[in-house]
PDB file of all heavy atoms in Angstrom:
ATOM      1  N   PHE A   1    -214.684 -21.619 122.217  1.00  0.00           N
ATOM      2  CA  PHE A   1    -214.867 -22.984 121.623  1.00  0.00           C
ATOM      3  C   PHE A   1    -215.399 -23.960 122.652  1.00  0.00           C
ATOM      4  O   PHE A   1    -215.382 -25.096 122.496  1.00  0.00           O
ATOM      5  CB  PHE A   1    -213.451 -23.510 121.175  1.00  0.00           C
ATOM      6  CG  PHE A   1    -212.893 -22.650 120.033  1.00  0.00           C
ATOM      7  CD1 PHE A   1    -211.804 -21.852 120.276  1.00  0.00           C
ATOM      8  CD2 PHE A   1    -213.381 -22.889 118.725  1.00  0.00           C
ATOM      9  CE1 PHE A   1    -211.287 -21.116 119.196  1.00  0.00           C
ATOM     10  CE2 PHE A   1    -212.692 -22.199 117.719  1.00  0.00           C
ATOM     11  CZ  PHE A   1    -211.800 -21.285 117.988  1.00  0.00           C
ATOM     12  N   THR A   2    -216.089 -23.338 123.831  1.00  0.00           N
ATOM     13  CA  THR A   2    -216.567 -24.334 124.758  1.00  0.00           C
ATOM     14  C   THR A   2    -218.020 -23.799 125.096  1.00  0.00           C
ATOM     15  O   THR A   2    -218.496 -22.746 124.742  1.00  0.00           O
ATOM     16  CB  THR A   2    -215.752 -24.102 126.084  1.00  0.00           C
ATOM     17  OG1 THR A   2    -215.872 -22.797 126.644  1.00  0.00           O
ATOM     18  CG2 THR A   2    -214.357 -24.433 125.747  1.00  0.00           C
ATOM     19  N   LYS A   3    -218.676 -24.736 125.787  1.00  0.00           N
ATOM     20  CA  LYS A   3    -220.017 -24.519 126.398  1.00  0.00           C
ATOM     21  C   LYS A   3    -219.767 -24.227 127.894  1.00  0.00           C
ATOM     22  O   LYS A   3    -219.175 -25.172 128.613  1.00  0.00           O
ATOM     23  CB  LYS A   3    -220.971 -25.686 126.278  1.00  0.00           C
ATOM     24  CG  LYS A   3    -222.268 -25.431 126.800  1.00  0.00           C
ATOM     25  CD  LYS A   3    -223.203 -26.751 126.677  1.00  0.00           C
ATOM     26  CE  LYS A   3    -224.571 -26.493 127.236  1.00  0.00           C
ATOM     27  NZ  LYS A   3    -225.478 -27.713 127.146  1.00  0.00           N
ATOM     28  N   TYR A   4    -219.906 -22.889 128.246  1.00  0.00           N
ATOM     29  CA  TYR A   4    -219.412 -22.549 129.621  1.00  0.00           C
ATOM     30  C   TYR A   4    -220.419 -21.604 130.214  1.00  0.00           C
ATOM     31  O   TYR A   4    -220.872 -20.653 129.425  1.00  0.00           O
ATOM     32  CB  TYR A   4    -218.075 -21.866 129.484  1.00  0.00           C
ATOM     33  CG  TYR A   4    -217.430 -21.443 130.756  1.00  0.00           C
ATOM     34  CD1 TYR A   4    -217.402 -22.267 131.905  1.00  0.00           C
ATOM     35  CD2 TYR A   4    -216.850 -20.168 130.800  1.00  0.00           C
ATOM     36  CE1 TYR A   4    -216.797 -21.907 133.077  1.00  0.00           C
ATOM     37  CE2 TYR A   4    -216.317 -19.672 132.096  1.00  0.00           C
ATOM     38  CZ  TYR A   4    -216.266 -20.606 133.160  1.00  0.00           C
ATOM     39  OH  TYR A   4    -215.728 -20.136 134.353  1.00  0.00           O
ATOM     40  N   ASN A   5    -220.822 -21.797 131.383  1.00  0.00           N
ATOM     41  CA  ASN A   5    -221.723 -20.889 132.132  1.00  0.00           C
ATOM     42  C   ASN A   5    -221.245 -20.307 133.431  1.00  0.00           C
ATOM     43  O   ASN A   5    -221.967 -19.823 134.338  1.00  0.00           O
ATOM     44  CB  ASN A   5    -223.064 -21.703 132.373  1.00  0.00           C
ATOM     45  CG  ASN A   5    -222.798 -22.813 133.241  1.00  0.00           C
ATOM     46  OD1 ASN A   5    -221.687 -23.085 133.779  1.00  0.00           O
ATOM     47  ND2 ASN A   5    -223.908 -23.669 133.665  1.00  0.00           N
ATOM     48  N   ILE A   6    -219.902 -20.370 133.491  1.00  0.00           N
ATOM     49  CA  ILE A   6    -219.191 -19.771 134.710  1.00  0.00           C
ATOM     50  C   ILE A   6    -219.210 -20.751 135.871  1.00  0.00           C
ATOM     51  O   ILE A   6    -218.154 -20.857 136.644  1.00  0.00           O
ATOM     52  CB  ILE A   6    -219.671 -18.335 135.077  1.00  0.00           C
ATOM     53  CG1 ILE A   6    -219.592 -17.314 133.982  1.00  0.00           C
ATOM     54  CG2 ILE A   6    -218.884 -17.861 136.316  1.00  0.00           C
ATOM     55  CD1 ILE A   6    -219.976 -15.983 134.333  1.00  0.00           C
ATOM     56  N   ILE A   7    -220.340 -21.322 136.250  1.00  0.00           N
ATOM     57  CA  ILE A   7    -220.487 -22.152 137.382  1.00  0.00           C
ATOM     58  C   ILE A   7    -219.911 -23.486 137.222  1.00  0.00           C
ATOM     59  O   ILE A   7    -219.129 -23.949 138.050  1.00  0.00           O
ATOM     60  CB  ILE A   7    -221.955 -22.261 137.686  1.00  0.00           C
ATOM     61  CG1 ILE A   7    -222.630 -20.973 138.007  1.00  0.00           C
ATOM     62  CG2 ILE A   7    -222.193 -23.157 139.017  1.00  0.00           C
ATOM     63  CD1 ILE A   7    -224.046 -20.899 138.219  1.00  0.00           C
ATOM     64  N   THR A   8    -220.253 -24.140 136.132  1.00  0.00           N
ATOM     65  CA  THR A   8    -219.821 -25.558 135.887  1.00  0.00           C
ATOM     66  C   THR A   8    -218.468 -25.545 135.026  1.00  0.00           C
ATOM     67  O   THR A   8    -218.351 -24.512 134.256  1.00  0.00           O
ATOM     68  CB  THR A   8    -220.854 -26.450 135.264  1.00  0.00           C
ATOM     69  OG1 THR A   8    -221.150 -25.797 134.001  1.00  0.00           O
ATOM     70  CG2 THR A   8    -222.040 -26.571 136.123  1.00  0.00           C
ATOM     71  N   PRO A   9    -217.747 -26.563 135.002  1.00  0.00           N
ATOM     72  CA  PRO A   9    -216.518 -26.508 134.156  1.00  0.00           C
ATOM     73  C   PRO A   9    -216.873 -26.450 132.615  1.00  0.00           C
ATOM     74  O   PRO A   9    -217.924 -26.878 132.200  1.00  0.00           O
ATOM     75  CB  PRO A   9    -215.823 -27.895 134.407  1.00  0.00           C
ATOM     76  CG  PRO A   9    -216.421 -28.322 135.776  1.00  0.00           C
ATOM     77  CD  PRO A   9    -217.760 -27.770 135.877  1.00  0.00           C
ATOM     78  N   ALA A  10    -216.001 -25.845 131.898  1.00  0.00           N
ATOM     79  CA  ALA A  10    -216.210 -25.631 130.423  1.00  0.00           C
ATOM     80  C   ALA A  10    -216.133 -27.008 129.765  1.00  0.00           C
ATOM     81  O   ALA A  10    -215.334 -27.905 130.118  1.00  0.00           O
ATOM     82  CB  ALA A  10    -215.264 -24.655 129.929  1.00  0.00           C
ATOM     83  N   LYS A  11    -216.964 -27.198 128.726  1.00  0.00           N
ATOM     84  CA  LYS A  11    -216.909 -28.370 127.831  1.00  0.00           C
ATOM     85  C   LYS A  11    -216.636 -27.925 126.389  1.00  0.00           C
ATOM     86  O   LYS A  11    -217.404 -27.095 125.810  1.00  0.00           O
ATOM     87  CB  LYS A  11    -218.272 -29.127 127.919  1.00  0.00           C
ATOM     88  CG  LYS A  11    -218.556 -29.650 129.329  1.00  0.00           C
ATOM     89  CD  LYS A  11    -219.852 -30.365 129.366  1.00  0.00           C
ATOM     90  CE  LYS A  11    -220.253 -30.956 130.711  1.00  0.00           C
ATOM     91  NZ  LYS A  11    -221.497 -31.729 130.706  1.00  0.00           N
ATOM     92  N   PHE A  12    -215.620 -28.522 125.833  1.00  0.00           N
ATOM     93  CA  PHE A  12    -215.278 -28.224 124.415  1.00  0.00           C
ATOM     94  C   PHE A  12    -216.494 -28.699 123.481  1.00  0.00           C
ATOM     95  O   PHE A  12    -216.983 -29.713 123.521  1.00  0.00           O
ATOM     96  CB  PHE A  12    -214.044 -28.977 124.017  1.00  0.00           C
ATOM     97  CG  PHE A  12    -213.637 -28.744 122.559  1.00  0.00           C
ATOM     98  CD1 PHE A  12    -212.934 -27.431 122.384  1.00  0.00           C
ATOM     99  CD2 PHE A  12    -213.769 -29.579 121.614  1.00  0.00           C
ATOM    100  CE1 PHE A  12    -212.613 -27.185 121.064  1.00  0.00           C
ATOM    101  CE2 PHE A  12    -213.412 -29.432 120.323  1.00  0.00           C
ATOM    102  CZ  PHE A  12    -212.724 -28.168 120.070  1.00  0.00           C
ATOM    103  N   ASN A  13    -216.877 -27.647 122.654  1.00  0.00           N
ATOM    104  CA  ASN A  13    -217.862 -27.927 121.638  1.00  0.00           C
ATOM    105  C   ASN A  13    -217.483 -27.449 120.268  1.00  0.00           C
ATOM    106  O   ASN A  13    -218.440 -27.246 119.369  1.00  0.00           O
ATOM    107  CB  ASN A  13    -219.265 -27.319 122.129  1.00  0.00           C
ATOM    108  CG  ASN A  13    -219.156 -25.773 122.132  1.00  0.00           C
ATOM    109  OD1 ASN A  13    -218.174 -25.152 121.885  1.00  0.00           O
ATOM    110  ND2 ASN A  13    -220.330 -25.075 122.326  1.00  0.00           N
ATOM    111  N   GLY A  14    -216.270 -27.378 120.008  1.00  0.00           N
ATOM    112  CA  GLY A  14    -215.785 -27.074 118.616  1.00  0.00           C
ATOM    113  C   GLY A  14    -216.230 -25.624 118.159  1.00  0.00           C
ATOM    114  O   GLY A  14    -216.216 -24.747 118.882  1.00  0.00           O
ATOM    115  N   LEU A  15    -216.652 -25.683 116.901  1.00  0.00           N
ATOM    116  CA  LEU A  15    -217.142 -24.482 116.266  1.00  0.00           C
ATOM    117  C   LEU A  15    -218.593 -24.147 116.394  1.00  0.00           C
ATOM    118  O   LEU A  15    -219.190 -23.311 115.676  1.00  0.00           O
ATOM    119  CB  LEU A  15    -216.808 -24.539 114.779  1.00  0.00           C
ATOM    120  CG  LEU A  15    -215.252 -24.671 114.324  1.00  0.00           C
ATOM    121  CD1 LEU A  15    -215.183 -24.926 112.900  1.00  0.00           C
ATOM    122  CD2 LEU A  15    -214.546 -23.415 114.794  1.00  0.00           C
ATOM    123  N   PHE A  16    -219.236 -24.809 117.383  1.00  0.00           N
ATOM    124  CA  PHE A  16    -220.699 -24.666 117.513  1.00  0.00           C
ATOM    125  C   PHE A  16    -220.987 -23.193 117.833  1.00  0.00           C
ATOM    126  O   PHE A  16    -222.072 -22.696 117.194  1.00  0.00           O
ATOM    127  CB  PHE A  16    -221.208 -25.542 118.653  1.00  0.00           C
ATOM    128  CG  PHE A  16    -222.634 -25.383 118.964  1.00  0.00           C
ATOM    129  CD1 PHE A  16    -223.615 -26.000 118.240  1.00  0.00           C
ATOM    130  CD2 PHE A  16    -223.117 -24.585 119.952  1.00  0.00           C
ATOM    131  CE1 PHE A  16    -224.990 -25.922 118.450  1.00  0.00           C
ATOM    132  CE2 PHE A  16    -224.403 -24.320 120.266  1.00  0.00           C
ATOM    133  CZ  PHE A  16    -225.370 -24.934 119.481  1.00  0.00           C
ATOM    134  N   ASN A  17    -220.274 -22.490 118.616  1.00  0.00           N
ATOM    135  CA  ASN A  17    -220.647 -21.119 118.941  1.00  0.00           C
ATOM    136  C   ASN A  17    -220.480 -20.179 117.778  1.00  0.00           C
ATOM    137  O   ASN A  17    -221.271 -19.297 117.637  1.00  0.00           O
ATOM    138  CB  ASN A  17    -219.651 -20.692 120.076  1.00  0.00           C
ATOM    139  CG  ASN A  17    -219.916 -21.293 121.412  1.00  0.00           C
ATOM    140  OD1 ASN A  17    -221.149 -21.730 121.636  1.00  0.00           O
ATOM    141  ND2 ASN A  17    -219.019 -21.254 122.316  1.00  0.00           N
ATOM    142  N   TYR A  18    -219.445 -20.550 116.843  1.00  0.00           N
ATOM    143  CA  TYR A  18    -219.282 -19.677 115.714  1.00  0.00           C
ATOM    144  C   TYR A  18    -220.387 -19.970 114.663  1.00  0.00           C
ATOM    145  O   TYR A  18    -220.773 -19.004 113.906  1.00  0.00           O
ATOM    146  CB  TYR A  18    -217.897 -19.823 115.144  1.00  0.00           C
ATOM    147  CG  TYR A  18    -216.823 -19.187 116.071  1.00  0.00           C
ATOM    148  CD1 TYR A  18    -216.217 -20.016 116.952  1.00  0.00           C
ATOM    149  CD2 TYR A  18    -216.480 -17.950 115.953  1.00  0.00           C
ATOM    150  CE1 TYR A  18    -215.284 -19.432 117.868  1.00  0.00           C
ATOM    151  CE2 TYR A  18    -215.486 -17.356 116.697  1.00  0.00           C
ATOM    152  CZ  TYR A  18    -214.935 -18.100 117.703  1.00  0.00           C
ATOM    153  OH  TYR A  18    -213.852 -17.570 118.500  1.00  0.00           O
ATOM    154  N   GLN A  19    -220.777 -21.194 114.621  1.00  0.00           N
ATOM    155  CA  GLN A  19    -221.869 -21.533 113.775  1.00  0.00           C
ATOM    156  C   GLN A  19    -223.231 -20.823 114.200  1.00  0.00           C
ATOM    157  O   GLN A  19    -224.029 -20.421 113.365  1.00  0.00           O
ATOM    158  CB  GLN A  19    -222.086 -22.996 113.629  1.00  0.00           C
ATOM    159  CG  GLN A  19    -220.934 -23.734 112.958  1.00  0.00           C
ATOM    160  CD  GLN A  19    -221.052 -25.300 113.070  1.00  0.00           C
ATOM    161  OE1 GLN A  19    -221.830 -25.808 113.855  1.00  0.00           O
ATOM    162  NE2 GLN A  19    -220.179 -25.970 112.314  1.00  0.00           N
ATOM    163  N   LYS A  20    -223.353 -20.721 115.504  1.00  0.00           N
ATOM    164  CA  LYS A  20    -224.601 -20.133 116.020  1.00  0.00           C
ATOM    165  C   LYS A  20    -224.588 -18.662 115.793  1.00  0.00           C
ATOM    166  O   LYS A  20    -225.726 -18.094 115.599  1.00  0.00           O
ATOM    167  CB  LYS A  20    -224.634 -20.345 117.608  1.00  0.00           C
ATOM    168  CG  LYS A  20    -225.880 -19.869 118.238  1.00  0.00           C
ATOM    169  CD  LYS A  20    -225.782 -20.194 119.763  1.00  0.00           C
ATOM    170  CE  LYS A  20    -227.122 -19.695 120.428  1.00  0.00           C
ATOM    171  NZ  LYS A  20    -227.041 -19.928 121.921  1.00  0.00           N
ATOM    172  N   LEU A  21    -223.488 -18.052 115.565  1.00  0.00           N
ATOM    173  CA  LEU A  21    -223.414 -16.629 115.286  1.00  0.00           C
ATOM    174  C   LEU A  21    -224.154 -16.282 113.954  1.00  0.00           C
ATOM    175  O   LEU A  21    -224.845 -15.336 113.877  1.00  0.00           O
ATOM    176  CB  LEU A  21    -221.953 -16.142 115.052  1.00  0.00           C
ATOM    177  CG  LEU A  21    -221.071 -16.037 116.251  1.00  0.00           C
ATOM    178  CD1 LEU A  21    -219.611 -15.659 115.937  1.00  0.00           C
ATOM    179  CD2 LEU A  21    -221.649 -14.916 117.216  1.00  0.00           C
ATOM    180  N   LEU A  22    -224.134 -17.179 113.067  1.00  0.00           N
ATOM    181  CA  LEU A  22    -224.614 -16.885 111.661  1.00  0.00           C
ATOM    182  C   LEU A  22    -226.129 -16.920 111.648  1.00  0.00           C
ATOM    183  O   LEU A  22    -226.712 -16.434 110.729  1.00  0.00           O
ATOM    184  CB  LEU A  22    -224.169 -18.116 110.669  1.00  0.00           C
ATOM    185  CG  LEU A  22    -222.612 -18.020 110.488  1.00  0.00           C
ATOM    186  CD1 LEU A  22    -222.176 -19.107 109.621  1.00  0.00           C
ATOM    187  CD2 LEU A  22    -222.102 -16.723 110.017  1.00  0.00           C
ATOM    188  N   ARG A  23    -226.741 -17.675 112.756  1.00  0.00           N
ATOM    189  CA  ARG A  23    -228.289 -17.671 112.734  1.00  0.00           C
ATOM    190  C   ARG A  23    -228.796 -17.054 113.928  1.00  0.00           C
ATOM    191  O   ARG A  23    -229.934 -17.188 114.276  1.00  0.00           O
ATOM    192  CB  ARG A  23    -228.609 -19.192 112.682  1.00  0.00           C
ATOM    193  CG  ARG A  23    -228.086 -20.094 113.792  1.00  0.00           C
ATOM    194  CD  ARG A  23    -228.556 -21.544 113.612  1.00  0.00           C
ATOM    195  NE  ARG A  23    -228.180 -22.318 114.768  1.00  0.00           N
ATOM    196  CZ  ARG A  23    -226.985 -22.945 114.803  1.00  0.00           C
ATOM    197  NH1 ARG A  23    -226.145 -22.928 113.791  1.00  0.00           N
ATOM    198  NH2 ARG A  23    -226.633 -23.654 115.846  1.00  0.00           N
ATOM    199  N   ASP A  24    -227.945 -16.175 114.614  1.00  0.00           N
ATOM    200  CA  ASP A  24    -228.421 -15.408 115.851  1.00  0.00           C
ATOM    201  C   ASP A  24    -229.011 -14.060 115.404  1.00  0.00           C
ATOM    202  O   ASP A  24    -228.211 -13.138 115.116  1.00  0.00           O
ATOM    203  CB  ASP A  24    -227.319 -15.181 116.714  1.00  0.00           C
ATOM    204  CG  ASP A  24    -227.719 -14.782 118.117  1.00  0.00           C
ATOM    205  OD1 ASP A  24    -228.834 -14.232 118.218  1.00  0.00           O
ATOM    206  OD2 ASP A  24    -226.935 -14.730 118.998  1.00  0.00           O
ATOM    207  N   ASP A  25    -230.312 -14.027 115.351  1.00  0.00           N
ATOM    208  CA  ASP A  25    -230.978 -12.661 114.825  1.00  0.00           C
ATOM    209  C   ASP A  25    -230.838 -11.610 115.949  1.00  0.00           C
ATOM    210  O   ASP A  25    -230.652 -10.479 115.523  1.00  0.00           O
ATOM    211  CB  ASP A  25    -232.463 -12.903 114.724  1.00  0.00           C
ATOM    212  CG  ASP A  25    -232.747 -13.871 113.512  1.00  0.00           C
ATOM    213  OD1 ASP A  25    -231.966 -13.879 112.555  1.00  0.00           O
ATOM    214  OD2 ASP A  25    -233.730 -14.545 113.517  1.00  0.00           O
ATOM    215  N   LYS A  26    -230.615 -12.029 117.231  1.00  0.00           N
ATOM    216  CA  LYS A  26    -230.391 -11.031 118.234  1.00  0.00           C
ATOM    217  C   LYS A  26    -229.080 -10.368 118.135  1.00  0.00           C
ATOM    218  O   LYS A  26    -228.882  -9.219 118.251  1.00  0.00           O
ATOM    219  CB  LYS A  26    -230.476 -11.620 119.670  1.00  0.00           C
ATOM    220  CG  LYS A  26    -231.988 -12.035 120.084  1.00  0.00           C
ATOM    221  CD  LYS A  26    -231.931 -12.534 121.431  1.00  0.00           C
ATOM    222  CE  LYS A  26    -233.452 -12.827 121.903  1.00  0.00           C
ATOM    223  NZ  LYS A  26    -233.425 -13.442 123.354  1.00  0.00           N
ATOM    224  N   LEU A  27    -228.048 -11.142 117.674  1.00  0.00           N
ATOM    225  CA  LEU A  27    -226.763 -10.563 117.438  1.00  0.00           C
ATOM    226  C   LEU A  27    -226.812  -9.687 116.290  1.00  0.00           C
ATOM    227  O   LEU A  27    -226.144  -8.614 116.292  1.00  0.00           O
ATOM    228  CB  LEU A  27    -225.801 -11.670 117.233  1.00  0.00           C
ATOM    229  CG  LEU A  27    -224.299 -11.194 116.807  1.00  0.00           C
ATOM    230  CD1 LEU A  27    -223.723 -10.466 117.995  1.00  0.00           C
ATOM    231  CD2 LEU A  27    -223.429 -12.443 116.503  1.00  0.00           C
ATOM    232  N   LYS A  28    -227.483 -10.027 115.285  1.00  0.00           N
ATOM    233  CA  LYS A  28    -227.589  -9.117 114.043  1.00  0.00           C
ATOM    234  C   LYS A  28    -228.265  -7.805 114.430  1.00  0.00           C
ATOM    235  O   LYS A  28    -227.757  -6.679 113.966  1.00  0.00           O
ATOM    236  CB  LYS A  28    -228.421  -9.783 113.007  1.00  0.00           C
ATOM    237  CG  LYS A  28    -227.734 -11.080 112.372  1.00  0.00           C
ATOM    238  CD  LYS A  28    -228.675 -11.728 111.423  1.00  0.00           C
ATOM    239  CE  LYS A  28    -228.002 -13.059 110.863  1.00  0.00           C
ATOM    240  NZ  LYS A  28    -228.938 -13.775 109.981  1.00  0.00           N
TER     241      LYS A  28
END
């Protein structure tokens, strides 16, 4: 539920990552 790149602290972004799953052609 965060925007995280290992280097900088994680930032909460709600359901954004799960919404991104639905339109991620690479994941499909």
